[in-house]
Protein backbone atom coordinates (compact mmCIF):
# COMPACT_ATOMS: atom_id res chain seq x y z
CA MET A 1 0.00 0.00 0.00
CA ASP A 2 1.06 3.53 -0.69
CA LEU A 3 1.58 5.31 2.62
CA VAL A 4 1.26 8.80 1.08
CA ALA A 5 -2.06 7.91 -0.59
CA ASP A 6 -3.36 6.40 2.66
CA ARG A 7 -2.39 9.53 4.60
CA ARG A 8 -4.07 11.71 1.99
CA ARG A 9 -7.27 9.62 2.20
CA TRP A 10 -7.36 9.89 5.98
CA SER A 11 -6.64 13.63 5.80
CA THR A 12 -9.49 14.01 3.32
CA LEU A 13 -11.83 12.11 5.63
CA TRP A 14 -10.80 14.20 8.65
CA LEU A 15 -11.12 17.48 6.78
CA SER A 16 -14.59 16.53 5.53
CA ALA A 17 -15.62 15.60 9.06
CA LEU A 18 -14.18 18.88 10.38
CA VAL A 19 -16.22 20.90 7.85
CA VAL A 20 -19.39 18.99 8.84
CA LEU A 21 -18.68 19.46 12.55
CA ALA A 22 -17.94 23.19 12.24
CA ASP A 23 -21.03 23.63 10.07
CA GLN A 24 -23.39 21.79 12.40
CA VAL A 25 -22.03 23.38 15.59
CA THR A 26 -22.35 26.90 14.16
CA LYS A 27 -25.85 26.18 12.81
CA HIS A 28 -26.88 24.84 16.22
CA TRP A 29 -25.58 28.04 17.80
CA ALA A 30 -27.40 30.20 15.23
CA VAL A 31 -30.74 28.42 15.69
CA ASN A 32 -30.48 28.82 19.47
CA HIS A 33 -29.14 32.38 19.67
CA LEU A 34 -30.49 34.25 16.66
CA VAL A 35 -34.19 33.89 17.45
CA ASP A 36 -36.98 36.39 16.92
CA GLY A 37 -35.13 38.34 14.25
CA LYS A 38 -32.09 39.02 16.45
CA THR A 39 -28.95 39.99 14.56
CA ILE A 40 -25.39 40.32 15.77
CA ASP A 41 -23.31 42.96 14.00
CA LEU A 42 -19.63 42.02 13.93
CA VAL A 43 -17.52 44.14 11.62
CA TRP A 44 -18.32 46.50 8.77
CA THR A 45 -21.06 44.65 6.82
CA LEU A 46 -20.56 41.25 8.47
CA ARG A 47 -23.36 40.16 10.76
CA PHE A 48 -25.14 37.04 11.91
CA LYS A 49 -28.79 36.82 10.93
CA LEU A 50 -30.79 33.58 10.96
CA GLY A 51 -32.40 32.38 7.75
CA PHE A 52 -33.74 29.11 6.37
CA ASN A 53 -33.38 28.00 2.77
CA SER A 54 -35.59 25.24 1.36
CA GLY A 55 -34.12 25.73 -2.12
CA MET A 56 -30.57 25.80 -3.37
CA ALA A 57 -27.84 28.44 -3.59
CA PHE A 58 -29.02 32.05 -3.43
CA SER A 59 -32.49 30.81 -2.40
CA GLN A 60 -33.25 29.65 -5.95
CA ALA A 61 -35.69 26.76 -6.55
CA ASP A 62 -37.49 27.34 -3.26
CA GLY A 63 -39.46 24.26 -2.27
CA LEU A 64 -37.42 21.79 -4.34
CA GLY A 65 -35.51 20.60 -1.28
CA PRO A 66 -36.22 16.89 -1.80
CA VAL A 67 -34.91 16.97 -5.38
CA ILE A 68 -31.89 19.03 -4.36
CA GLY A 69 -31.31 16.66 -1.44
CA VAL A 70 -31.29 13.57 -3.67
CA VAL A 71 -28.89 15.27 -6.09
CA ALA A 72 -26.68 16.22 -3.12
CA LEU A 73 -26.71 12.63 -1.81
CA VAL A 74 -25.57 11.39 -5.23
CA ALA A 75 -22.92 14.13 -5.29
CA ILE A 76 -21.67 13.02 -1.87
CA VAL A 77 -21.20 9.45 -3.11
CA VAL A 78 -19.39 10.67 -6.24
CA LEU A 79 -17.24 13.09 -4.22
CA ALA A 80 -16.27 10.35 -1.77
CA TYR A 81 -15.04 8.31 -4.73
CA VAL A 82 -13.27 11.29 -6.31
CA ALA A 83 -11.64 12.17 -2.99
CA ARG A 84 -10.20 8.66 -2.77
CA GLN A 85 -8.78 8.99 -6.28
CA ALA A 86 -7.33 12.49 -5.89
CA ASP A 87 -3.60 12.42 -6.50
CA THR A 88 -2.72 15.94 -5.39
CA ARG A 89 -3.03 17.76 -2.08
CA SER A 90 -5.13 20.49 -3.65
CA GLY A 91 -7.44 17.93 -5.25
CA SER A 92 -7.86 16.10 -1.95
CA PHE A 93 -8.44 19.35 -0.07
CA ALA A 94 -10.98 20.56 -2.61
CA ALA A 95 -12.87 17.26 -2.64
CA ALA A 96 -12.88 17.16 1.17
CA ALA A 97 -14.19 20.73 1.49
CA ILE A 98 -16.95 20.14 -1.06
CA LEU A 99 -17.82 16.75 0.45
CA GLY A 100 -18.02 18.18 3.97
CA GLY A 101 -20.11 21.14 2.79
CA ALA A 102 -22.53 18.97 0.83
CA ALA A 103 -22.89 16.61 3.80
CA GLY A 104 -23.50 19.51 6.20
CA ASN A 105 -26.34 20.87 4.09
CA VAL A 106 -27.84 17.41 3.49
CA ILE A 107 -27.91 16.86 7.26
CA ASP A 108 -30.10 19.97 7.52
CA ARG A 109 -32.42 18.68 4.81
CA LEU A 110 -32.67 15.32 6.56
CA PHE A 111 -33.19 16.48 10.14
CA ARG A 112 -34.58 20.03 10.11
CA GLY A 113 -38.00 19.43 8.58
CA ASP A 114 -41.24 17.53 8.49
CA GLY A 115 -40.18 14.52 6.50
CA TRP A 116 -37.32 12.96 4.61
CA LEU A 117 -35.38 15.69 2.78
CA HIS A 118 -38.05 18.32 3.50
CA GLY A 119 -35.85 20.31 5.87
CA SER A 120 -34.42 23.72 5.24
CA VAL A 121 -30.75 24.60 5.31
CA VAL A 122 -29.81 26.97 8.12
CA ASP A 123 -28.05 30.11 6.89
CA PHE A 124 -26.74 32.82 9.21
CA ILE A 125 -23.63 34.57 7.85
CA ASP A 126 -24.87 37.83 6.34
CA LEU A 127 -22.54 40.20 4.50
CA GLN A 128 -25.54 42.42 3.66
CA TRP A 129 -24.41 42.62 0.02
CA TRP A 130 -24.41 38.85 -0.67
CA PRO A 131 -27.01 36.16 0.02
CA VAL A 132 -26.92 34.75 3.57
CA PHE A 133 -24.83 31.57 3.80
CA ASN A 134 -23.23 29.08 6.22
CA ILE A 135 -19.99 27.15 6.83
CA ALA A 136 -21.07 24.31 4.52
CA ASP A 137 -21.60 26.79 1.69
CA MET A 138 -18.11 28.16 2.35
CA GLY A 139 -16.64 24.65 2.09
CA ILE A 140 -18.41 24.02 -1.22
CA THR A 141 -17.37 27.40 -2.63
CA ILE A 142 -13.74 27.22 -1.48
CA GLY A 143 -13.41 23.62 -2.67
CA GLY A 144 -14.95 24.50 -6.03
CA ALA A 145 -12.62 27.47 -6.45
CA ILE A 146 -9.60 25.27 -5.72
CA LEU A 147 -10.77 22.75 -8.33
CA VAL A 148 -11.24 25.48 -10.93
CA ILE A 149 -7.83 27.01 -10.20
CA GLY A 150 -6.23 23.55 -10.29
CA ALA A 151 -7.90 22.73 -13.62
CA TRP A 152 -6.82 26.07 -15.04
CA ARG A 153 -3.23 25.55 -13.94
CA ALA A 154 -2.96 21.88 -14.98
CA PRO A 155 -2.77 22.44 -18.76
CA ARG A 156 -0.07 25.08 -18.27
CA GLU A 157 2.01 22.72 -16.16
CA SER A 158 1.67 19.80 -18.57
CA THR A 159 2.50 21.86 -21.68
CA SER A 160 5.39 23.81 -20.20
CA GLY A 161 7.42 20.82 -19.09
CA GLY A 162 6.95 18.47 -22.03
CA ALA A 163 8.88 18.07 -25.25
CA PRO A 164 7.55 19.81 -28.34
CA ALA A 165 5.16 17.74 -30.41
């Protein structure tokens, strides 16, 4: 067995679990402390304000939570496979962040509603100029950005070091 690959797989698992844990702990805090319209102003435009999203990103597709949840469950399975196959640190990190974020939001859909996948995702980070979001959304966004940057850089690396065709 390849020790480096095994370490990377365990690191990916731990990072995914850390994203889920941070997401769920902060959502629990938000649900219990940001009640009755209470907001907490932190710095400049950053504040905490509780919101619930039964749709997808930016509150689009409101009410399609079950469909979005099933797609997210499939994505989690695919991401778990991709994370195991990642051969770079950035690829492993990106897959772990996206996997943890997707799992965090699916947990909300599973357990914060009146039926299987009928729950709403808890959002509470409000920049006042961007839709309200949560830690899981940050994991998905950061992981996605790392994948895009990695994909953009990969062709440059492979063409710069090879012999001319």
